[in-house]
C-alpha atoms as a PDB file:
ATOM      1  CA  UNK A   1      28.261 -12.366  12.162  1.00  0.00           C
ATOM      2  CA  UNK A   2      26.596 -10.731   9.000  1.00  0.00           C
ATOM      3  CA  UNK A   3      23.614  -8.552   9.976  1.00  0.00           C
ATOM      4  CA  UNK A   4      20.837  -6.958   8.010  1.00  0.00           C
ATOM      5  CA  UNK A   5      19.194  -3.570   8.772  1.00  0.00           C
ATOM      6  CA  UNK A   6      15.582  -2.441   7.339  1.00  0.00           C
ATOM      7  CA  UNK A   7      14.500   0.665   7.268  1.00  0.00           C
ATOM      8  CA  UNK A   8      11.777   1.231   9.274  1.00  0.00           C
ATOM      9  CA  UNK A   9      10.843   4.793   9.177  1.00  0.00           C
ATOM     10  CA  UNK A  10       7.872   4.704   7.649  1.00  0.00           C
ATOM     11  CA  UNK A  11       6.494   2.344  10.117  1.00  0.00           C
ATOM     12  CA  UNK A  12       4.664   4.681  12.769  1.00  0.00           C
ATOM     13  CA  UNK A  13       2.233   5.563   9.367  1.00  0.00           C
ATOM     14  CA  UNK A  14      -1.262   4.204   9.644  1.00  0.00           C
ATOM     15  CA  UNK A  15      -1.938   3.028   6.304  1.00  0.00           C
ATOM     16  CA  UNK A  16      -0.043   2.418   2.932  1.00  0.00           C
ATOM     17  CA  UNK A  17       4.081   1.967   3.390  1.00  0.00           C
ATOM     18  CA  UNK A  18       3.417   2.136   7.553  1.00  0.00           C
ATOM     19  CA  UNK A  19       1.406  -1.020   7.116  1.00  0.00           C
ATOM     20  CA  UNK A  20       3.268  -2.822   4.553  1.00  0.00           C
ATOM     21  CA  UNK A  21       6.452  -2.263   6.661  1.00  0.00           C
ATOM     22  CA  UNK A  22       5.167  -3.478   9.948  1.00  0.00           C
ATOM     23  CA  UNK A  23       3.727  -6.713   8.780  1.00  0.00           C
ATOM     24  CA  UNK A  24       7.370  -7.614   6.650  1.00  0.00           C
ATOM     25  CA  UNK A  25       9.342  -6.692   9.992  1.00  0.00           C
ATOM     26  CA  UNK A  26       6.836  -8.968  11.695  1.00  0.00           C
ATOM     27  CA  UNK A  27       7.548 -11.660   9.553  1.00  0.00           C
ATOM     28  CA  UNK A  28      11.031 -11.550   8.841  1.00  0.00           C
ATOM     29  CA  UNK A  29      11.816 -11.348  12.697  1.00  0.00           C
ATOM     30  CA  UNK A  30       9.454 -14.685  13.565  1.00  0.00           C
ATOM     31  CA  UNK A  31      12.721 -16.576  11.104  1.00  0.00           C
ATOM     32  CA  UNK A  32      15.019 -15.589  13.907  1.00  0.00           C
ATOM     33  CA  UNK A  33      17.603 -14.211  12.644  1.00  0.00           C
ATOM     34  CA  UNK A  34      18.765 -11.180  14.046  1.00  0.00           C
ATOM     35  CA  UNK A  35      18.115  -7.815  12.419  1.00  0.00           C
ATOM     36  CA  UNK A  36      18.869  -3.962  12.726  1.00  0.00           C
ATOM     37  CA  UNK A  37      15.831  -1.531  12.703  1.00  0.00           C
ATOM     38  CA  UNK A  38      16.334   2.051  11.693  1.00  0.00           C
ATOM     39  CA  UNK A  39      13.297   3.516  13.519  1.00  0.00           C
ATOM     40  CA  UNK A  40      11.902   7.244  13.941  1.00  0.00           C
ATOM     41  CA  UNK A  41      12.014   6.778  17.694  1.00  0.00           C
ATOM     42  CA  UNK A  42      12.345   4.075  20.082  1.00  0.00           C
ATOM     43  CA  UNK A  43       9.455   4.378  21.414  1.00  0.00           C
ATOM     44  CA  UNK A  44       7.027   3.820  18.603  1.00  0.00           C
ATOM     45  CA  UNK A  45       3.836   1.887  19.722  1.00  0.00           C
ATOM     46  CA  UNK A  46       4.019  -0.685  16.801  1.00  0.00           C
ATOM     47  CA  UNK A  47       7.835  -1.733  17.992  1.00  0.00           C
ATOM     48  CA  UNK A  48       5.943  -3.202  21.302  1.00  0.00           C
ATOM     49  CA  UNK A  49       4.594  -5.444  19.282  1.00  0.00           C
ATOM     50  CA  UNK A  50       7.712  -7.375  18.182  1.00  0.00           C
ATOM     51  CA  UNK A  51       9.273 -10.247  18.869  1.00  0.00           C
ATOM     52  CA  UNK A  52      12.815 -11.670  17.777  1.00  0.00           C
ATOM     53  CA  UNK A  53      16.070 -10.875  17.816  1.00  0.00           C
ATOM     54  CA  UNK A  54      16.370  -6.871  17.019  1.00  0.00           C
ATOM     55  CA  UNK A  55      18.692  -3.853  17.117  1.00  0.00           C
ATOM     56  CA  UNK A  56      17.406  -0.675  17.552  1.00  0.00           C
ATOM     57  CA  UNK A  57      18.653   2.592  15.419  1.00  0.00           C
ATOM     58  CA  UNK A  58      17.259   5.713  16.265  1.00  0.00           C
ATOM     59  CA  UNK A  59      17.168   7.400  12.872  1.00  0.00           C
ATOM     60  CA  UNK A  60      14.788  10.363  12.875  1.00  0.00           C
ATOM     61  CA  UNK A  61      16.024  11.546   9.309  1.00  0.00           C
ATOM     62  CA  UNK A  62      12.506  12.731   7.776  1.00  0.00           C
ATOM     63  CA  UNK A  63      12.169  11.211   4.480  1.00  0.00           C
ATOM     64  CA  UNK A  64      13.098  12.832   0.993  1.00  0.00           C
ATOM     65  CA  UNK A  65      15.320  15.109   2.984  1.00  0.00           C
ATOM     66  CA  UNK A  66      19.026  16.421   3.121  1.00  0.00           C
ATOM     67  CA  UNK A  67      19.474  14.720   6.002  1.00  0.00           C
ATOM     68  CA  UNK A  68      18.359  11.189   4.804  1.00  0.00           C
ATOM     69  CA  UNK A  69      21.348  11.707   1.981  1.00  0.00           C
ATOM     70  CA  UNK A  70      23.534  13.491   4.048  1.00  0.00           C
ATOM     71  CA  UNK A  71      23.424  11.408   7.860  1.00  0.00           C
ATOM     72  CA  UNK A  72      21.913   8.495   7.143  1.00  0.00           C
ATOM     73  CA  UNK A  73      24.397   7.240   5.125  1.00  0.00           C
ATOM     74  CA  UNK A  74      27.160   7.353   8.365  1.00  0.00           C
ATOM     75  CA  UNK A  75      24.203   6.056  10.482  1.00  0.00           C
ATOM     76  CA  UNK A  76      24.136   2.691   8.352  1.00  0.00           C
ATOM     77  CA  UNK A  77      28.098   2.876   8.181  1.00  0.00           C
ATOM     78  CA  UNK A  78      28.622   3.158  12.178  1.00  0.00           C
ATOM     79  CA  UNK A  79      25.800   0.211  12.333  1.00  0.00           C
ATOM     80  CA  UNK A  80      27.954  -2.458  11.121  1.00  0.00           C
ATOM     81  CA  UNK A  81      25.299  -4.256   8.756  1.00  0.00           C
ATOM     82  CA  UNK A  82      26.139  -5.770   5.851  1.00  0.00           C
ATOM     83  CA  UNK A  83      23.025  -5.098   3.546  1.00  0.00           C
ATOM     84  CA  UNK A  84      20.227  -2.945   3.746  1.00  0.00           C
ATOM     85  CA  UNK A  85      16.730  -3.483   2.821  1.00  0.00           C
ATOM     86  CA  UNK A  86      14.164  -0.959   2.260  1.00  0.00           C
ATOM     87  CA  UNK A  87      10.747  -1.360   1.820  1.00  0.00           C
ATOM     88  CA  UNK A  88      10.484   1.771  -0.697  1.00  0.00           C
ATOM     89  CA  UNK A  89      13.015   2.742  -3.115  1.00  0.00           C
ATOM     90  CA  UNK A  90      14.375   5.932  -1.375  1.00  0.00           C
ATOM     91  CA  UNK A  91      17.365   4.834  -0.526  1.00  0.00           C
ATOM     92  CA  UNK A  92      20.259   7.191   0.003  1.00  0.00           C
ATOM     93  CA  UNK A  93      22.097   8.017  -3.242  1.00  0.00           C
ATOM     94  CA  UNK A  94      25.360   7.163  -1.838  1.00  0.00           C
ATOM     95  CA  UNK A  95      24.290   4.147   0.457  1.00  0.00           C
ATOM     96  CA  UNK A  96      27.347   2.182   2.167  1.00  0.00           C
ATOM     97  CA  UNK A  97      26.445  -1.362   2.085  1.00  0.00           C
ATOM     98  CA  UNK A  98      24.588  -3.555  -0.806  1.00  0.00           C
ATOM     99  CA  UNK A  99      20.783  -3.152  -0.565  1.00  0.00           C
ATOM    100  CA  UNK A 100      17.820  -4.508  -1.558  1.00  0.00           C
ATOM    101  CA  UNK A 101      14.188  -2.209  -2.533  1.00  0.00           C
ATOM    102  CA  UNK A 102      11.048  -2.518  -2.579  1.00  0.00           C
ATOM    103  CA  UNK A 103       9.010  -0.693  -5.470  1.00  0.00           C
ATOM    104  CA  UNK A 104       5.217  -0.455  -5.120  1.00  0.00           C
ATOM    105  CA  UNK A 105       4.794   1.991  -8.125  1.00  0.00           C
ATOM    106  CA  UNK A 106       5.515   4.059 -10.506  1.00  0.00           C
ATOM    107  CA  UNK A 107       2.636   6.527  -9.219  1.00  0.00           C
ATOM    108  CA  UNK A 108       4.863  10.005  -9.803  1.00  0.00           C
ATOM    109  CA  UNK A 109       5.634   8.558 -13.564  1.00  0.00           C
ATOM    110  CA  UNK A 110       2.491   8.386 -14.553  1.00  0.00           C
ATOM    111  CA  UNK A 111       0.330  11.039 -11.735  1.00  0.00           C
ATOM    112  CA  UNK A 112       2.513  13.776  -9.982  1.00  0.00           C
ATOM    113  CA  UNK A 113      -0.530  15.539  -8.864  1.00  0.00           C
ATOM    114  CA  UNK A 114       0.752  19.142  -7.297  1.00  0.00           C
ATOM    115  CA  UNK A 115       4.359  17.783  -6.698  1.00  0.00           C
ATOM    116  CA  UNK A 116       6.864  20.270  -7.365  1.00  0.00           C
ATOM    117  CA  UNK A 117       9.265  19.785 -10.644  1.00  0.00           C
ATOM    118  CA  UNK A 118      12.302  19.970  -7.994  1.00  0.00           C
ATOM    119  CA  UNK A 119      10.814  16.561  -6.222  1.00  0.00           C
ATOM    120  CA  UNK A 120       9.478  14.878  -9.755  1.00  0.00           C
ATOM    121  CA  UNK A 121      13.138  15.093 -10.358  1.00  0.00           C
ATOM    122  CA  UNK A 122      14.581  14.084  -7.291  1.00  0.00           C
ATOM    123  CA  UNK A 123      12.036  11.389  -7.488  1.00  0.00           C
ATOM    124  CA  UNK A 124      13.046  10.008 -10.551  1.00  0.00           C
ATOM    125  CA  UNK A 125      16.874  10.597  -9.636  1.00  0.00           C
ATOM    126  CA  UNK A 126      16.466   8.239  -6.587  1.00  0.00           C
ATOM    127  CA  UNK A 127      14.430   5.390  -8.483  1.00  0.00           C
ATOM    128  CA  UNK A 128      16.385   5.005 -11.199  1.00  0.00           C
ATOM    129  CA  UNK A 129      19.685   4.653  -8.808  1.00  0.00           C
ATOM    130  CA  UNK A 130      17.404   2.092  -6.856  1.00  0.00           C
ATOM    131  CA  UNK A 131      16.849   0.062  -9.615  1.00  0.00           C
ATOM    132  CA  UNK A 132      20.245   0.080 -11.467  1.00  0.00           C
ATOM    133  CA  UNK A 133      22.539  -0.477  -8.193  1.00  0.00           C
ATOM    134  CA  UNK A 134      20.008  -2.291  -6.403  1.00  0.00           C
ATOM    135  CA  UNK A 135      21.601  -6.175  -5.598  1.00  0.00           C
ATOM    136  CA  UNK A 136      17.431  -7.179  -5.941  1.00  0.00           C
ATOM    137  CA  UNK A 137      14.238  -5.288  -6.286  1.00  0.00           C
ATOM    138  CA  UNK A 138      11.077  -6.772  -5.027  1.00  0.00           C
ATOM    139  CA  UNK A 139       7.719  -5.337  -6.865  1.00  0.00           C
ATOM    140  CA  UNK A 140       4.130  -6.060  -5.338  1.00  0.00           C
ATOM    141  CA  UNK A 141       2.832  -7.345  -7.987  1.00  0.00           C
ATOM    142  CA  UNK A 142       3.123  -8.192 -11.764  1.00  0.00           C
ATOM    143  CA  UNK A 143       2.171  -5.109 -13.017  1.00  0.00           C
ATOM    144  CA  UNK A 144       4.518  -2.914 -11.181  1.00  0.00           C
ATOM    145  CA  UNK A 145       7.392  -4.980 -12.554  1.00  0.00           C
ATOM    146  CA  UNK A 146       6.128  -4.721 -15.807  1.00  0.00           C
ATOM    147  CA  UNK A 147       6.235  -0.933 -14.972  1.00  0.00           C
ATOM    148  CA  UNK A 148       9.835  -1.377 -13.869  1.00  0.00           C
ATOM    149  CA  UNK A 149      11.002  -3.005 -16.617  1.00  0.00           C
ATOM    150  CA  UNK A 150       9.271  -0.687 -19.417  1.00  0.00           C
ATOM    151  CA  UNK A 151      10.918   2.209 -17.630  1.00  0.00           C
ATOM    152  CA  UNK A 152      13.836   1.372 -16.549  1.00  0.00           C
ATOM    153  CA  UNK A 153      14.551  -1.314 -19.279  1.00  0.00           C
ATOM    154  CA  UNK A 154      14.464  -5.226 -19.068  1.00  0.00           C
ATOM    155  CA  UNK A 155      18.067  -5.730 -18.360  1.00  0.00           C
ATOM    156  CA  UNK A 156      16.823  -5.506 -14.598  1.00  0.00           C
ATOM    157  CA  UNK A 157      14.838  -8.479 -15.245  1.00  0.00           C
ATOM    158  CA  UNK A 158      16.883 -11.324 -13.270  1.00  0.00           C
ATOM    159  CA  UNK A 159      17.013  -9.215 -10.042  1.00  0.00           C
ATOM    160  CA  UNK A 160      13.240  -8.239 -10.248  1.00  0.00           C
ATOM    161  CA  UNK A 161      11.081 -10.798  -8.324  1.00  0.00           C
ATOM    162  CA  UNK A 162       7.266 -10.218  -7.313  1.00  0.00           C
ATOM    163  CA  UNK A 163       6.118 -10.867  -3.971  1.00  0.00           C
ATOM    164  CA  UNK A 164       2.724  -9.446  -3.352  1.00  0.00           C
ATOM    165  CA  UNK A 165       1.181  -8.089  -0.182  1.00  0.00           C
ATOM    166  CA  UNK A 166      -0.976  -9.923   2.607  1.00  0.00           C
ATOM    167  CA  UNK A 167      -3.866  -8.398   4.385  1.00  0.00           C
ATOM    168  CA  UNK A 168      -4.876  -8.349   8.271  1.00  0.00           C
ATOM    169  CA  UNK A 169      -6.416 -11.558   9.229  1.00  0.00           C
ATOM    170  CA  UNK A 170      -8.399  -9.334  11.211  1.00  0.00           C
ATOM    171  CA  UNK A 171     -10.355  -8.766   8.421  1.00  0.00           C
ATOM    172  CA  UNK A 172     -13.157 -11.021   7.805  1.00  0.00           C
ATOM    173  CA  UNK A 173     -17.219 -10.868   8.555  1.00  0.00           C
ATOM    174  CA  UNK A 174     -18.062  -8.429  11.290  1.00  0.00           C
ATOM    175  CA  UNK A 175     -21.444  -7.400  11.771  1.00  0.00           C
ATOM    176  CA  UNK A 176     -21.259  -4.759  14.304  1.00  0.00           C
ATOM    177  CA  UNK A 177     -24.352  -2.926  15.299  1.00  0.00           C
ATOM    178  CA  UNK A 178     -22.181  -0.576  17.603  1.00  0.00           C
ATOM    179  CA  UNK A 179     -20.028   0.885  15.002  1.00  0.00           C
ATOM    180  CA  UNK A 180     -22.846   1.248  12.107  1.00  0.00           C
ATOM    181  CA  UNK A 181     -24.984   3.065  14.893  1.00  0.00           C
ATOM    182  CA  UNK A 182     -22.003   5.460  15.990  1.00  0.00           C
ATOM    183  CA  UNK A 183     -21.665   6.682  12.319  1.00  0.00           C
ATOM    184  CA  UNK A 184     -25.083   6.451  11.958  1.00  0.00           C
ATOM    185  CA  UNK A 185     -25.200   4.030   9.028  1.00  0.00           C
ATOM    186  CA  UNK A 186     -27.401   1.297   7.546  1.00  0.00           C
ATOM    187  CA  UNK A 187     -26.765  -1.617   5.888  1.00  0.00           C
ATOM    188  CA  UNK A 188     -26.407  -1.316   2.184  1.00  0.00           C
ATOM    189  CA  UNK A 189     -24.477   1.868   1.077  1.00  0.00           C
ATOM    190  CA  UNK A 190     -21.801   1.497  -1.322  1.00  0.00           C
ATOM    191  CA  UNK A 191     -18.087   1.754   0.111  1.00  0.00           C
ATOM    192  CA  UNK A 192     -14.571   3.284  -0.867  1.00  0.00           C
ATOM    193  CA  UNK A 193     -11.424   3.454   1.031  1.00  0.00           C
ATOM    194  CA  UNK A 194      -8.895   5.317   0.252  1.00  0.00           C
ATOM    195  CA  UNK A 195      -7.045   8.328  -0.495  1.00  0.00           C
ATOM    196  CA  UNK A 196      -8.556  11.189  -2.647  1.00  0.00           C
ATOM    197  CA  UNK A 197      -5.403  12.045  -4.806  1.00  0.00           C
ATOM    198  CA  UNK A 198      -5.489  12.894  -8.028  1.00  0.00           C
ATOM    199  CA  UNK A 199      -5.335   8.967  -9.520  1.00  0.00           C
ATOM    200  CA  UNK A 200      -7.873   8.130  -7.229  1.00  0.00           C
ATOM    201  CA  UNK A 201     -10.886   9.637  -8.997  1.00  0.00           C
ATOM    202  CA  UNK A 202     -12.823  10.068  -5.768  1.00  0.00           C
ATOM    203  CA  UNK A 203     -14.623  13.203  -7.134  1.00  0.00           C
ATOM    204  CA  UNK A 204     -15.514  10.798 -10.781  1.00  0.00           C
ATOM    205  CA  UNK A 205     -16.955   8.200  -8.204  1.00  0.00           C
ATOM    206  CA  UNK A 206     -19.278  10.652  -6.380  1.00  0.00           C
ATOM    207  CA  UNK A 207     -20.071  12.590  -9.386  1.00  0.00           C
ATOM    208  CA  UNK A 208     -21.384   8.975 -11.253  1.00  0.00           C
ATOM    209  CA  UNK A 209     -23.097   7.650  -7.879  1.00  0.00           C
ATOM    210  CA  UNK A 210     -24.939  11.110  -8.067  1.00  0.00           C
ATOM    211  CA  UNK A 211     -26.128  10.703 -11.770  1.00  0.00           C
ATOM    212  CA  UNK A 212     -26.848   6.906 -11.517  1.00  0.00           C
ATOM    213  CA  UNK A 213     -29.876   7.665  -9.163  1.00  0.00           C
ATOM    214  CA  UNK A 214     -29.558   5.144  -6.949  1.00  0.00           C
ATOM    215  CA  UNK A 215     -30.980   5.896  -3.210  1.00  0.00           C
ATOM    216  CA  UNK A 216     -28.094   3.707  -1.544  1.00  0.00           C
ATOM    217  CA  UNK A 217     -25.433   6.377  -0.108  1.00  0.00           C
ATOM    218  CA  UNK A 218     -21.736   6.532  -1.018  1.00  0.00           C
ATOM    219  CA  UNK A 219     -19.550   6.231   1.974  1.00  0.00           C
ATOM    220  CA  UNK A 220     -16.117   8.021   1.370  1.00  0.00           C
ATOM    221  CA  UNK A 221     -13.462   6.917   4.078  1.00  0.00           C
ATOM    222  CA  UNK A 222     -10.597   8.859   3.640  1.00  0.00           C
ATOM    223  CA  UNK A 223      -7.887  11.638   4.622  1.00  0.00           C
ATOM    224  CA  UNK A 224      -5.402  13.581   3.870  1.00  0.00           C
ATOM    225  CA  UNK A 225      -5.745  17.639   2.172  1.00  0.00           C
ATOM    226  CA  UNK A 226      -7.176  16.735  -0.897  1.00  0.00           C
ATOM    227  CA  UNK A 227     -10.278  15.649   0.837  1.00  0.00           C
ATOM    228  CA  UNK A 228     -11.446  19.812   1.416  1.00  0.00           C
ATOM    229  CA  UNK A 229     -11.741  19.871  -2.567  1.00  0.00           C
ATOM    230  CA  UNK A 230     -14.251  17.191  -2.942  1.00  0.00           C
ATOM    231  CA  UNK A 231     -17.776  18.364  -4.049  1.00  0.00           C
ATOM    232  CA  UNK A 232     -20.800  16.270  -2.115  1.00  0.00           C
ATOM    233  CA  UNK A 233     -24.163  15.827  -2.212  1.00  0.00           C
ATOM    234  CA  UNK A 234     -26.708  14.952   0.589  1.00  0.00           C
ATOM    235  CA  UNK A 235     -26.623  11.434  -0.737  1.00  0.00           C
ATOM    236  CA  UNK A 236     -22.581  11.422  -0.061  1.00  0.00           C
ATOM    237  CA  UNK A 237     -20.828  11.146   3.526  1.00  0.00           C
ATOM    238  CA  UNK A 238     -17.394  11.500   4.290  1.00  0.00           C
ATOM    239  CA  UNK A 239     -15.998   9.821   7.608  1.00  0.00           C
ATOM    240  CA  UNK A 240     -12.462  11.021   8.589  1.00  0.00           C
ATOM    241  CA  UNK A 241     -10.517   9.345  11.302  1.00  0.00           C
ATOM    242  CA  UNK A 242     -12.417   6.154  10.497  1.00  0.00           C
ATOM    243  CA  UNK A 243     -10.109   3.377  13.277  1.00  0.00           C
ATOM    244  CA  UNK A 244      -8.197   0.366  11.140  1.00  0.00           C
ATOM    245  CA  UNK A 245     -10.439  -2.020  13.868  1.00  0.00           C
ATOM    246  CA  UNK A 246     -13.477  -0.241  12.676  1.00  0.00           C
ATOM    247  CA  UNK A 247     -13.233  -0.975   8.726  1.00  0.00           C
ATOM    248  CA  UNK A 248     -14.446  -4.977   9.043  1.00  0.00           C
ATOM    249  CA  UNK A 249     -18.000  -3.856   9.986  1.00  0.00           C
ATOM    250  CA  UNK A 250     -17.716  -1.061   7.306  1.00  0.00           C
ATOM    251  CA  UNK A 251     -16.987  -3.537   4.440  1.00  0.00           C
ATOM    252  CA  UNK A 252     -19.213  -6.384   6.247  1.00  0.00           C
ATOM    253  CA  UNK A 253     -22.515  -3.883   6.212  1.00  0.00           C
ATOM    254  CA  UNK A 254     -21.421  -2.567   2.471  1.00  0.00           C
ATOM    255  CA  UNK A 255     -23.438  -3.826  -0.395  1.00  0.00           C
ATOM    256  CA  UNK A 256     -20.347  -3.167  -2.451  1.00  0.00           C
ATOM    257  CA  UNK A 257     -16.952  -1.515  -2.705  1.00  0.00           C
ATOM    258  CA  UNK A 258     -16.505   0.525  -5.749  1.00  0.00           C
ATOM    259  CA  UNK A 259     -13.158   2.107  -6.612  1.00  0.00           C
ATOM    260  CA  UNK A 260     -12.615   4.260 -10.248  1.00  0.00           C
ATOM    261  CA  UNK A 261      -8.938   4.359  -9.268  1.00  0.00           C
ATOM    262  CA  UNK A 262      -6.458   4.483 -12.591  1.00  0.00           C
ATOM    263  CA  UNK A 263      -3.455   3.668 -11.444  1.00  0.00           C
ATOM    264  CA  UNK A 264      -2.911   0.638  -8.217  1.00  0.00           C
ATOM    265  CA  UNK A 265       0.377  -1.003  -7.828  1.00  0.00           C
ATOM    266  CA  UNK A 266      -1.403  -3.268  -5.557  1.00  0.00           C
ATOM    267  CA  UNK A 267      -4.487  -1.690  -3.681  1.00  0.00           C
ATOM    268  CA  UNK A 268      -4.889  -3.678  -0.252  1.00  0.00           C
ATOM    269  CA  UNK A 269      -8.459  -2.237   0.372  1.00  0.00           C
ATOM    270  CA  UNK A 270      -9.919  -4.548  -2.507  1.00  0.00           C
ATOM    271  CA  UNK A 271      -8.611  -7.913  -0.458  1.00  0.00           C
ATOM    272  CA  UNK A 272      -9.795  -6.410   2.414  1.00  0.00           C
ATOM    273  CA  UNK A 273     -13.403  -5.923   1.277  1.00  0.00           C
ATOM    274  CA  UNK A 274     -13.163  -9.364  -0.060  1.00  0.00           C
ATOM    275  CA  UNK A 275     -11.817 -10.499   2.835  1.00  0.00           C
ATOM    276  CA  UNK A 276     -15.756  -9.638   4.395  1.00  0.00           C
ATOM    277  CA  UNK A 277     -17.640 -10.871   2.238  1.00  0.00           C
ATOM    278  CA  UNK A 278     -18.068  -7.805   0.191  1.00  0.00           C
ATOM    279  CA  UNK A 279     -18.579  -7.544  -3.465  1.00  0.00           C
ATOM    280  CA  UNK A 280     -16.301  -5.354  -5.886  1.00  0.00           C
ATOM    281  CA  UNK A 281     -16.508  -2.501  -8.526  1.00  0.00           C
ATOM    282  CA  UNK A 282     -13.000  -1.236  -9.742  1.00  0.00           C
ATOM    283  CA  UNK A 283     -11.378  -0.186 -12.778  1.00  0.00           C
ATOM    284  CA  UNK A 284     -10.339  -2.824 -15.387  1.00  0.00           C
ATOM    285  CA  UNK A 285      -6.995  -1.531 -15.076  1.00  0.00           C
ATOM    286  CA  UNK A 286      -2.822  -1.792 -13.571  1.00  0.00           C
ATOM    287  CA  UNK A 287      -2.645  -4.168 -10.627  1.00  0.00           C
ATOM    288  CA  UNK A 288      -6.240  -3.907  -9.959  1.00  0.00           C
ATOM    289  CA  UNK A 289      -7.012  -7.017 -11.933  1.00  0.00           C
ATOM    290  CA  UNK A 290      -4.718  -9.004 -10.117  1.00  0.00           C
ATOM    291  CA  UNK A 291      -6.326  -8.352  -6.961  1.00  0.00           C
ATOM    292  CA  UNK A 292      -9.828  -8.435  -7.638  1.00  0.00           C
ATOM    293  CA  UNK A 293     -11.357 -11.695  -7.662  1.00  0.00           C
ATOM    294  CA  UNK A 294     -13.809 -14.264 -10.241  1.00  0.00           C
ATOM    295  CA  UNK A 295     -16.510 -12.260  -9.130  1.00  0.00           C
ATOM    296  CA  UNK A 296     -15.030  -8.485  -9.097  1.00  0.00           C
ATOM    297  CA  UNK A 297     -17.305  -6.309 -11.651  1.00  0.00           C
ATOM    298  CA  UNK A 298     -14.264  -4.501 -13.506  1.00  0.00           C
ATOM    299  CA  UNK A 299     -15.230  -1.328 -15.603  1.00  0.00           C
ATOM    300  CA  UNK A 300     -13.689   0.475 -18.119  1.00  0.00           C
ATOM    301  CA  UNK A 301     -12.769   4.173 -17.969  1.00  0.00           C
ATOM    302  CA  UNK A 302     -15.840   5.716 -18.917  1.00  0.00           C
ATOM    303  CA  UNK A 303     -18.210   7.582 -16.543  1.00  0.00           C
ATOM    304  CA  UNK A 304     -21.070   5.609 -18.587  1.00  0.00           C
ATOM    305  CA  UNK A 305     -19.822   2.032 -17.370  1.00  0.00           C
ATOM    306  CA  UNK A 306     -19.331   3.860 -13.431  1.00  0.00           C
ATOM    307  CA  UNK A 307     -22.913   4.780 -13.758  1.00  0.00           C
ATOM    308  CA  UNK A 308     -23.991   1.606 -15.022  1.00  0.00           C
ATOM    309  CA  UNK A 309     -22.029  -0.231 -12.058  1.00  0.00           C
ATOM    310  CA  UNK A 310     -24.068   1.492  -9.491  1.00  0.00           C
ATOM    311  CA  UNK A 311     -27.382   0.822 -11.243  1.00  0.00           C
ATOM    312  CA  UNK A 312     -26.670  -2.269 -11.818  1.00  0.00           C
ATOM    313  CA  UNK A 313     -23.979  -3.696  -8.794  1.00  0.00           C
ATOM    314  CA  UNK A 314     -22.705  -7.259  -8.164  1.00  0.00           C
ATOM    315  CA  UNK A 315     -23.805  -9.287  -5.722  1.00  0.00           C
ATOM    316  CA  UNK A 316     -20.963 -11.738  -4.940  1.00  0.00           C
ATOM    317  CA  UNK A 317     -17.883 -11.649  -3.706  1.00  0.00           C
ATOM    318  CA  UNK A 318     -15.241 -14.450  -2.796  1.00  0.00           C
ATOM    319  CA  UNK A 319     -12.674 -14.908   0.010  1.00  0.00           C
ATOM    320  CA  UNK A 320      -8.631 -13.680  -1.339  1.00  0.00           C
ATOM    321  CA  UNK A 321      -6.492 -16.120  -2.402  1.00  0.00           C
ATOM    322  CA  UNK A 322      -4.085 -17.732   0.355  1.00  0.00           C
ATOM    323  CA  UNK A 323      -1.485 -16.516  -1.828  1.00  0.00           C
ATOM    324  CA  UNK A 324      -2.054 -13.261  -0.145  1.00  0.00           C
ATOM    325  CA  UNK A 325      -0.449 -13.839   3.260  1.00  0.00           C
ATOM    326  CA  UNK A 326       2.302 -11.371   5.190  1.00  0.00           C
ATOM    327  CA  UNK A 327       3.939 -14.687   6.812  1.00  0.00           C
ATOM    328  CA  UNK A 328       4.703 -15.935   2.842  1.00  0.00           C
ATOM    329  CA  UNK A 329       5.335 -12.695   1.874  1.00  0.00           C
ATOM    330  CA  UNK A 330       7.821 -12.040   4.359  1.00  0.00           C
ATOM    331  CA  UNK A 331       9.952 -15.776   3.906  1.00  0.00           C
ATOM    332  CA  UNK A 332       9.900 -14.896   0.277  1.00  0.00           C
ATOM    333  CA  UNK A 333      11.764 -12.128   1.079  1.00  0.00           C
ATOM    334  CA  UNK A 334      13.628 -13.660   4.128  1.00  0.00           C
ATOM    335  CA  UNK A 335      15.269 -15.968   1.078  1.00  0.00           C
ATOM    336  CA  UNK A 336      15.682 -12.963  -1.169  1.00  0.00           C
ATOM    337  CA  UNK A 337      17.777 -10.895   1.532  1.00  0.00           C
ATOM    338  CA  UNK A 338      19.701 -14.096   2.708  1.00  0.00           C
ATOM    339  CA  UNK A 339      20.662 -14.838  -1.479  1.00  0.00           C
ATOM    340  CA  UNK A 340      21.602 -10.709  -1.866  1.00  0.00           C
ATOM    341  CA  UNK A 341      23.746 -11.452   1.257  1.00  0.00           C
ATOM    342  CA  UNK A 342      25.176 -14.210   0.367  1.00  0.00           C
ATOM    343  CA  UNK A 343      25.143 -14.762  -3.693  1.00  0.00           C
END
């Protein structure tokens, strides 16, 4: 019997690649096919929610490490799998089996932030290898696919397929006074949910909000070391440690979700906001127009556009299209994996 392995080392992370990995793995297992899951620890909480046929292989090799490059290939070989699926591009440079990768964006090509030159070289080397040697490339948006082909050549177009992300169906209109009271919030605020890295332009968002003169506060739900560099005023609040289960209530009571991010491979918070009936202000750039919906206010990169958006926010939202469904995404990926396995 042929066996497919999945690199699940990101699955324990609460957001980003963790969200993607957990949801795709759950969907793949629902097909009934057996999988080998490479996990950091067999006692991770998310594993308890899985059902289906799977074997766990403890693989506590840090991402982008020497161990990932030297020890992980040996673990893959011992597992006896015939194909590896990696929800990220960081497949070992010398992988002993064919593999399929998901590429979410080319962020370090465009915004290296404070990443060292050595890490940038390693990143580009691994990405180039993954694109060239993979049996198939899954891209989460048309924008990401265009980025990959622009950077590495149209010769890879025949093995690149767009499979969108989904969103948690728990995101829906949720009025919860207890959560608002806990965070001392009154409905009608502007809301940003996401990281505070360079390309997210969170400081630009704060500055434009101040200059707009609007009285409704700007609430920033974020995390990471970049938070310490943000300069805020009385009309801005930063919420750290917000639980995933609390977000629906925060989106629902917001006047508008707003982001000044200039580079997104997908932008899941926009879908989450839409699912909760929250209008959207966002940049007309990268993958954002693909997920923003008909009623979103899409603006250019100028400071003036962002200021005017705060003063005249959209009043309507629309629920996400049916294609944004984790089960449908997993079904598409399952078909790709089977084709790569037997093609």
